[in-house]
Amino acid sequence: MFERHAPSPARYLRTHQAAQILGLSPRTLEKYRCHGSGPTFRKLGGRVVYLIDDLDAWATASACRSTSDPNYDEARSAGLDRR
């Protein structure tokens, strides 16, 4: 007998899905891509996609306990144009 498996969660997320998970706007993720300060992404064909594990790793790397945390300034400046 043929068994149906439950659909697995999406391995790759498009920009709008990734932004929703992170609580950001899609435009913010686009800016982060241009500045090189956002989560790791991939280009598959003409589409930008993100792995959930990469989103988690990026968010974890930005974690701070307080505004005096040495990581705070770097996390705060993510996505800013550093000219």
PDB file of N, CA and C in Angstrom:
ATOM      1  N   MET A   1       0.836  -1.175   0.000  1.00  0.00           N
ATOM      2  CA  MET A   1       0.000   0.000   0.000  1.00  0.00           C
ATOM      3  C   MET A   1       0.891   1.252   0.000  1.00  0.00           C
ATOM      4  N   PHE A   2       0.500   2.277  -0.710  1.00  0.00           N
ATOM      5  CA  PHE A   2       1.242   3.522  -0.833  1.00  0.00           C
ATOM      6  C   PHE A   2       1.042   4.366   0.414  1.00  0.00           C
ATOM      7  N   GLU A   3       2.136   4.759   1.051  1.00  0.00           N
ATOM      8  CA  GLU A   3       2.047   5.608   2.242  1.00  0.00           C
ATOM      9  C   GLU A   3       2.344   7.045   1.873  1.00  0.00           C
ATOM     10  N   ARG A   4       1.543   7.933   2.377  1.00  0.00           N
ATOM     11  CA  ARG A   4       1.778   9.367   2.161  1.00  0.00           C
ATOM     12  C   ARG A   4       2.539   9.919   3.342  1.00  0.00           C
ATOM     13  N   HIS A   5       3.579  10.649   3.042  1.00  0.00           N
ATOM     14  CA  HIS A   5       4.361  11.281   4.090  1.00  0.00           C
ATOM     15  C   HIS A   5       3.877  12.708   4.274  1.00  0.00           C
ATOM     16  N   ALA A   6       3.950  13.161   5.503  1.00  0.00           N
ATOM     17  CA  ALA A   6       3.593  14.557   5.767  1.00  0.00           C
ATOM     18  C   ALA A   6       4.591  15.448   5.044  1.00  0.00           C
ATOM     19  N   PRO A   7       4.128  16.536   4.477  1.00  0.00           N
ATOM     20  CA  PRO A   7       5.057  17.420   3.781  1.00  0.00           C
ATOM     21  C   PRO A   7       6.100  17.979   4.749  1.00  0.00           C
ATOM     22  N   SER A   8       7.345  17.991   4.298  1.00  0.00           N
ATOM     23  CA  SER A   8       8.402  18.524   5.153  1.00  0.00           C
ATOM     24  C   SER A   8       8.395  20.048   5.061  1.00  0.00           C
ATOM     25  N   PRO A   9       8.883  20.708   6.100  1.00  0.00           N
ATOM     26  CA  PRO A   9       8.922  22.167   6.042  1.00  0.00           C
ATOM     27  C   PRO A   9       9.854  22.623   4.915  1.00  0.00           C
ATOM     28  N   ALA A  10       9.582  23.797   4.409  1.00  0.00           N
ATOM     29  CA  ALA A  10      10.382  24.319   3.309  1.00  0.00           C
ATOM     30  C   ALA A  10      11.843  24.410   3.724  1.00  0.00           C
ATOM     31  N   ARG A  11      12.715  23.922   2.877  1.00  0.00           N
ATOM     32  CA  ARG A  11      14.149  24.002   3.160  1.00  0.00           C
ATOM     33  C   ARG A  11      14.662  25.408   2.875  1.00  0.00           C
ATOM     34  N   TYR A  12      14.168  25.993   1.810  1.00  0.00           N
ATOM     35  CA  TYR A  12      14.590  27.336   1.420  1.00  0.00           C
ATOM     36  C   TYR A  12      13.404  28.286   1.530  1.00  0.00           C
ATOM     37  N   LEU A  13      13.677  29.485   2.022  1.00  0.00           N
ATOM     38  CA  LEU A  13      12.642  30.501   2.165  1.00  0.00           C
ATOM     39  C   LEU A  13      12.960  31.670   1.264  1.00  0.00           C
ATOM     40  N   ARG A  14      11.940  32.226   0.657  1.00  0.00           N
ATOM     41  CA  ARG A  14      12.108  33.438  -0.141  1.00  0.00           C
ATOM     42  C   ARG A  14      12.261  34.620   0.811  1.00  0.00           C
ATOM     43  N   THR A  15      12.642  35.767   0.267  1.00  0.00           N
ATOM     44  CA  THR A  15      12.928  36.941   1.079  1.00  0.00           C
ATOM     45  C   THR A  15      11.757  37.321   1.980  1.00  0.00           C
ATOM     46  N   HIS A  16      10.547  37.349   1.444  1.00  0.00           N
ATOM     47  CA  HIS A  16       9.403  37.778   2.259  1.00  0.00           C
ATOM     48  C   HIS A  16       9.133  36.804   3.408  1.00  0.00           C
ATOM     49  N   GLN A  17       9.379  35.504   3.180  1.00  0.00           N
ATOM     50  CA  GLN A  17       9.179  34.519   4.244  1.00  0.00           C
ATOM     51  C   GLN A  17      10.259  34.660   5.321  1.00  0.00           C
ATOM     52  N   ALA A  18      11.511  34.843   4.884  1.00  0.00           N
ATOM     53  CA  ALA A  18      12.619  35.012   5.825  1.00  0.00           C
ATOM     54  C   ALA A  18      12.420  36.275   6.660  1.00  0.00           C
ATOM     55  N   ALA A  19      11.996  37.345   6.011  1.00  0.00           N
ATOM     56  CA  ALA A  19      11.764  38.603   6.723  1.00  0.00           C
ATOM     57  C   ALA A  19      10.679  38.434   7.782  1.00  0.00           C
ATOM     58  N   GLN A  20       9.649  37.709   7.444  1.00  0.00           N
ATOM     59  CA  GLN A  20       8.556  37.488   8.392  1.00  0.00           C
ATOM     60  C   GLN A  20       9.054  36.717   9.617  1.00  0.00           C
ATOM     61  N   ILE A  21       9.876  35.713   9.409  1.00  0.00           N
ATOM     62  CA  ILE A  21      10.418  34.929  10.519  1.00  0.00           C
ATOM     63  C   ILE A  21      11.289  35.796  11.425  1.00  0.00           C
ATOM     64  N   LEU A  22      12.078  36.684  10.821  1.00  0.00           N
ATOM     65  CA  LEU A  22      12.979  37.537  11.593  1.00  0.00           C
ATOM     66  C   LEU A  22      12.299  38.776  12.164  1.00  0.00           C
ATOM     67  N   GLY A  23      11.082  39.049  11.722  1.00  0.00           N
ATOM     68  CA  GLY A  23      10.375  40.242  12.187  1.00  0.00           C
ATOM     69  C   GLY A  23      10.898  41.504  11.531  1.00  0.00           C
ATOM     70  N   LEU A  24      11.401  41.382  10.308  1.00  0.00           N
ATOM     71  CA  LEU A  24      11.923  42.507   9.541  1.00  0.00           C
ATOM     72  C   LEU A  24      11.081  42.693   8.288  1.00  0.00           C
ATOM     73  N   SER A  25      11.273  43.807   7.625  1.00  0.00           N
ATOM     74  CA  SER A  25      10.600  43.983   6.335  1.00  0.00           C
ATOM     75  C   SER A  25      11.465  43.341   5.252  1.00  0.00           C
ATOM     76  N   PRO A  26      10.857  42.884   4.173  1.00  0.00           N
ATOM     77  CA  PRO A  26      11.642  42.339   3.060  1.00  0.00           C
ATOM     78  C   PRO A  26      12.666  43.352   2.546  1.00  0.00           C
ATOM     79  N   ARG A  27      12.297  44.621   2.530  1.00  0.00           N
ATOM     80  CA  ARG A  27      13.212  45.664   2.053  1.00  0.00           C
ATOM     81  C   ARG A  27      14.456  45.761   2.950  1.00  0.00           C
ATOM     82  N   THR A  28      14.288  45.574   4.246  1.00  0.00           N
ATOM     83  CA  THR A  28      15.427  45.591   5.156  1.00  0.00           C
ATOM     84  C   THR A  28      16.386  44.455   4.830  1.00  0.00           C
ATOM     85  N   LEU A  29      15.859  43.265   4.575  1.00  0.00           N
ATOM     86  CA  LEU A  29      16.724  42.145   4.198  1.00  0.00           C
ATOM     87  C   LEU A  29      17.448  42.431   2.883  1.00  0.00           C
ATOM     88  N   GLU A  30      16.762  43.075   1.947  1.00  0.00           N
ATOM     89  CA  GLU A  30      17.402  43.443   0.673  1.00  0.00           C
ATOM     90  C   GLU A  30      18.571  44.392   0.920  1.00  0.00           C
ATOM     91  N   LYS A  31      18.373  45.366   1.793  1.00  0.00           N
ATOM     92  CA  LYS A  31      19.456  46.304   2.128  1.00  0.00           C
ATOM     93  C   LYS A  31      20.611  45.569   2.800  1.00  0.00           C
ATOM     94  N   TYR A  32      20.298  44.677   3.727  1.00  0.00           N
ATOM     95  CA  TYR A  32      21.337  43.909   4.401  1.00  0.00           C
ATOM     96  C   TYR A  32      22.142  43.091   3.400  1.00  0.00           C
ATOM     97  N   ARG A  33      21.480  42.534   2.385  1.00  0.00           N
ATOM     98  CA  ARG A  33      22.197  41.783   1.347  1.00  0.00           C
ATOM     99  C   ARG A  33      23.189  42.677   0.623  1.00  0.00           C
ATOM    100  N   CYS A  34      22.761  43.875   0.272  1.00  0.00           N
ATOM    101  CA  CYS A  34      23.641  44.812  -0.445  1.00  0.00           C
ATOM    102  C   CYS A  34      24.838  45.229   0.398  1.00  0.00           C
ATOM    103  N   HIS A  35      24.635  45.397   1.692  1.00  0.00           N
ATOM    104  CA  HIS A  35      25.699  45.841   2.588  1.00  0.00           C
ATOM    105  C   HIS A  35      26.534  44.688   3.121  1.00  0.00           C
ATOM    106  N   GLY A  36      26.082  43.476   2.898  1.00  0.00           N
ATOM    107  CA  GLY A  36      26.813  42.312   3.390  1.00  0.00           C
ATOM    108  C   GLY A  36      26.686  42.095   4.879  1.00  0.00           C
ATOM    109  N   SER A  37      25.645  42.633   5.482  1.00  0.00           N
ATOM    110  CA  SER A  37      25.497  42.525   6.934  1.00  0.00           C
ATOM    111  C   SER A  37      24.346  41.618   7.354  1.00  0.00           C
ATOM    112  N   GLY A  38      23.663  41.019   6.408  1.00  0.00           N
ATOM    113  CA  GLY A  38      22.516  40.176   6.727  1.00  0.00           C
ATOM    114  C   GLY A  38      22.871  38.705   6.781  1.00  0.00           C
ATOM    115  N   PRO A  39      21.854  37.876   6.899  1.00  0.00           N
ATOM    116  CA  PRO A  39      22.091  36.436   6.934  1.00  0.00           C
ATOM    117  C   PRO A  39      22.598  35.924   5.585  1.00  0.00           C
ATOM    118  N   THR A  40      23.275  34.799   5.617  1.00  0.00           N
ATOM    119  CA  THR A  40      23.765  34.155   4.403  1.00  0.00           C
ATOM    120  C   THR A  40      22.576  33.829   3.505  1.00  0.00           C
ATOM    121  N   PHE A  41      22.733  34.100   2.217  1.00  0.00           N
ATOM    122  CA  PHE A  41      21.664  33.799   1.257  1.00  0.00           C
ATOM    123  C   PHE A  41      22.248  33.053   0.077  1.00  0.00           C
ATOM    124  N   ARG A  42      21.375  32.517  -0.744  1.00  0.00           N
ATOM    125  CA  ARG A  42      21.772  31.805  -1.957  1.00  0.00           C
ATOM    126  C   ARG A  42      20.965  32.319  -3.131  1.00  0.00           C
ATOM    127  N   LYS A  43      21.566  32.274  -4.294  1.00  0.00           N
ATOM    128  CA  LYS A  43      20.847  32.603  -5.532  1.00  0.00           C
ATOM    129  C   LYS A  43      20.612  31.288  -6.257  1.00  0.00           C
ATOM    130  N   LEU A  44      19.379  30.907  -6.384  1.00  0.00           N
ATOM    131  CA  LEU A  44      19.004  29.704  -7.134  1.00  0.00           C
ATOM    132  C   LEU A  44      18.222  30.165  -8.351  1.00  0.00           C
ATOM    133  N   GLY A  45      18.844  30.038  -9.502  1.00  0.00           N
ATOM    134  CA  GLY A  45      18.243  30.634 -10.691  1.00  0.00           C
ATOM    135  C   GLY A  45      18.286  32.136 -10.493  1.00  0.00           C
ATOM    136  N   GLY A  46      17.175  32.791 -10.630  1.00  0.00           N
ATOM    137  CA  GLY A  46      17.116  34.229 -10.411  1.00  0.00           C
ATOM    138  C   GLY A  46      16.553  34.594  -9.054  1.00  0.00           C
ATOM    139  N   ARG A  47      16.398  33.610  -8.183  1.00  0.00           N
ATOM    140  CA  ARG A  47      15.735  33.859  -6.897  1.00  0.00           C
ATOM    141  C   ARG A  47      16.699  33.827  -5.733  1.00  0.00           C
ATOM    142  N   VAL A  48      16.475  34.722  -4.803  1.00  0.00           N
ATOM    143  CA  VAL A  48      17.244  34.757  -3.558  1.00  0.00           C
ATOM    144  C   VAL A  48      16.495  33.915  -2.537  1.00  0.00           C
ATOM    145  N   VAL A  49      17.212  33.014  -1.887  1.00  0.00           N
ATOM    146  CA  VAL A  49      16.599  32.161  -0.869  1.00  0.00           C
ATOM    147  C   VAL A  49      17.498  32.081   0.356  1.00  0.00           C
ATOM    148  N   TYR A  50      16.893  31.750   1.481  1.00  0.00           N
ATOM    149  CA  TYR A  50      17.590  31.630   2.759  1.00  0.00           C
ATOM    150  C   TYR A  50      17.279  30.271   3.373  1.00  0.00           C
ATOM    151  N   LEU A  51      18.270  29.680   4.023  1.00  0.00           N
ATOM    152  CA  LEU A  51      18.047  28.484   4.831  1.00  0.00           C
ATOM    153  C   LEU A  51      17.637  28.930   6.232  1.00  0.00           C
ATOM    154  N   ILE A  52      16.727  28.230   6.837  1.00  0.00           N
ATOM    155  CA  ILE A  52      16.286  28.567   8.193  1.00  0.00           C
ATOM    156  C   ILE A  52      17.468  28.528   9.158  1.00  0.00           C
ATOM    157  N   ASP A  53      18.357  27.544   9.000  1.00  0.00           N
ATOM    158  CA  ASP A  53      19.531  27.457   9.879  1.00  0.00           C
ATOM    159  C   ASP A  53      20.415  28.701   9.767  1.00  0.00           C
ATOM    160  N   ASP A  54      20.523  29.261   8.560  1.00  0.00           N
ATOM    161  CA  ASP A  54      21.312  30.484   8.376  1.00  0.00           C
ATOM    162  C   ASP A  54      20.649  31.681   9.048  1.00  0.00           C
ATOM    163  N   LEU A  55      19.320  31.735   9.009  1.00  0.00           N
ATOM    164  CA  LEU A  55      18.601  32.815   9.695  1.00  0.00           C
ATOM    165  C   LEU A  55      18.827  32.725  11.198  1.00  0.00           C
ATOM    166  N   ASP A  56      18.736  31.504  11.728  1.00  0.00           N
ATOM    167  CA  ASP A  56      18.957  31.295  13.163  1.00  0.00           C
ATOM    168  C   ASP A  56      20.383  31.666  13.562  1.00  0.00           C
ATOM    169  N   ALA A  57      21.361  31.262  12.755  1.00  0.00           N
ATOM    170  CA  ALA A  57      22.763  31.562  13.060  1.00  0.00           C
ATOM    171  C   ALA A  57      23.013  33.068  13.054  1.00  0.00           C
ATOM    172  N   TRP A  58      22.442  33.774  12.086  1.00  0.00           N
ATOM    173  CA  TRP A  58      22.617  35.226  11.998  1.00  0.00           C
ATOM    174  C   TRP A  58      21.976  35.923  13.206  1.00  0.00           C
ATOM    175  N   ALA A  59      20.771  35.504  13.562  1.00  0.00           N
ATOM    176  CA  ALA A  59      20.087  36.099  14.710  1.00  0.00           C
ATOM    177  C   ALA A  59      20.857  35.806  16.001  1.00  0.00           C
ATOM    178  N   THR A  60      21.382  34.620  16.141  1.00  0.00           N
ATOM    179  CA  THR A  60      22.150  34.250  17.328  1.00  0.00           C
ATOM    180  C   THR A  60      23.430  35.081  17.429  1.00  0.00           C
ATOM    181  N   ALA A  61      24.074  35.317  16.294  1.00  0.00           N
ATOM    182  CA  ALA A  61      25.309  36.109  16.291  1.00  0.00           C
ATOM    183  C   ALA A  61      25.048  37.559  16.700  1.00  0.00           C
ATOM    184  N   SER A  62      23.810  38.013  16.580  1.00  0.00           N
ATOM    185  CA  SER A  62      23.460  39.389  16.936  1.00  0.00           C
ATOM    186  C   SER A  62      22.936  39.514  18.363  1.00  0.00           C
ATOM    187  N   ALA A  63      22.949  38.413  19.096  1.00  0.00           N
ATOM    188  CA  ALA A  63      22.401  38.416  20.457  1.00  0.00           C
ATOM    189  C   ALA A  63      23.265  39.252  21.399  1.00  0.00           C
ATOM    190  N   CYS A  64      22.616  40.035  22.239  1.00  0.00           N
ATOM    191  CA  CYS A  64      23.287  40.870  23.243  1.00  0.00           C
ATOM    192  C   CYS A  64      22.527  40.754  24.558  1.00  0.00           C
ATOM    193  N   ARG A  65      23.258  40.895  25.650  1.00  0.00           N
ATOM    194  CA  ARG A  65      22.622  40.868  26.974  1.00  0.00           C
ATOM    195  C   ARG A  65      22.284  42.268  27.469  1.00  0.00           C
ATOM    196  N   SER A  66      23.023  43.260  26.995  1.00  0.00           N
ATOM    197  CA  SER A  66      22.761  44.636  27.401  1.00  0.00           C
ATOM    198  C   SER A  66      23.396  45.580  26.391  1.00  0.00           C
ATOM    199  N   THR A  67      23.140  46.875  26.556  1.00  0.00           N
ATOM    200  CA  THR A  67      23.728  47.856  25.648  1.00  0.00           C
ATOM    201  C   THR A  67      25.225  48.035  25.900  1.00  0.00           C
ATOM    202  N   SER A  68      25.732  47.505  27.006  1.00  0.00           N
ATOM    203  CA  SER A  68      27.175  47.561  27.261  1.00  0.00           C
ATOM    204  C   SER A  68      27.888  46.297  26.783  1.00  0.00           C
ATOM    205  N   ASP A  69      27.148  45.375  26.218  1.00  0.00           N
ATOM    206  CA  ASP A  69      27.715  44.153  25.651  1.00  0.00           C
ATOM    207  C   ASP A  69      28.662  44.534  24.509  1.00  0.00           C
ATOM    208  N   PRO A  70      29.870  43.966  24.464  1.00  0.00           N
ATOM    209  CA  PRO A  70      30.811  44.304  23.395  1.00  0.00           C
ATOM    210  C   PRO A  70      30.253  44.051  21.988  1.00  0.00           C
ATOM    211  N   ASN A  71      29.314  43.141  21.864  1.00  0.00           N
ATOM    212  CA  ASN A  71      28.707  42.817  20.574  1.00  0.00           C
ATOM    213  C   ASN A  71      27.598  43.797  20.188  1.00  0.00           C
ATOM    214  N   TYR A  72      27.175  44.636  21.122  1.00  0.00           N
ATOM    215  CA  TYR A  72      26.020  45.504  20.895  1.00  0.00           C
ATOM    216  C   TYR A  72      26.231  46.479  19.738  1.00  0.00           C
ATOM    217  N   ASP A  73      27.349  47.174  19.704  1.00  0.00           N
ATOM    218  CA  ASP A  73      27.591  48.167  18.647  1.00  0.00           C
ATOM    219  C   ASP A  73      27.584  47.524  17.269  1.00  0.00           C
ATOM    220  N   GLU A  74      28.209  46.354  17.158  1.00  0.00           N
ATOM    221  CA  GLU A  74      28.220  45.663  15.862  1.00  0.00           C
ATOM    222  C   GLU A  74      26.820  45.202  15.478  1.00  0.00           C
ATOM    223  N   ALA A  75      26.085  44.648  16.420  1.00  0.00           N
ATOM    224  CA  ALA A  75      24.727  44.178  16.129  1.00  0.00           C
ATOM    225  C   ALA A  75      23.816  45.352  15.768  1.00  0.00           C
ATOM    226  N   ARG A  76      24.004  46.470  16.453  1.00  0.00           N
ATOM    227  CA  ARG A  76      23.187  47.665  16.213  1.00  0.00           C
ATOM    228  C   ARG A  76      23.444  48.254  14.842  1.00  0.00           C
ATOM    229  N   SER A  77      24.679  48.178  14.374  1.00  0.00           N
ATOM    230  CA  SER A  77      25.026  48.797  13.094  1.00  0.00           C
ATOM    231  C   SER A  77      24.760  47.885  11.896  1.00  0.00           C
ATOM    232  N   ALA A  78      24.240  46.698  12.107  1.00  0.00           N
ATOM    233  CA  ALA A  78      23.960  45.791  10.980  1.00  0.00           C
ATOM    234  C   ALA A  78      23.037  46.471   9.987  1.00  0.00           C
ATOM    235  N   GLY A  79      23.455  46.431   8.743  1.00  0.00           N
ATOM    236  CA  GLY A  79      22.628  47.004   7.682  1.00  0.00           C
ATOM    237  C   GLY A  79      22.864  48.463   7.400  1.00  0.00           C
ATOM    238  N   LEU A  80      23.647  49.133   8.236  1.00  0.00           N
ATOM    239  CA  LEU A  80      23.902  50.549   7.981  1.00  0.00           C
ATOM    240  C   LEU A  80      24.992  50.690   6.947  1.00  0.00           C
ATOM    241  N   ASP A  81      24.888  51.709   6.162  1.00  0.00           N
ATOM    242  CA  ASP A  81      25.896  51.986   5.143  1.00  0.00           C
ATOM    243  C   ASP A  81      27.129  52.535   5.848  1.00  0.00           C
ATOM    244  N   ARG A  82      28.222  51.817   5.783  1.00  0.00           N
ATOM    245  CA  ARG A  82      29.448  52.200   6.501  1.00  0.00           C
ATOM    246  C   ARG A  82      30.440  52.858   5.558  1.00  0.00           C
ATOM    247  N   ARG A  83      30.126  54.003   5.034  1.00  0.00           N
ATOM    248  CA  ARG A  83      31.023  54.704   4.106  1.00  0.00           C
ATOM    249  C   ARG A  83      32.085  55.432   4.845  1.00  0.00           C
TER     250      ARG A  83
END
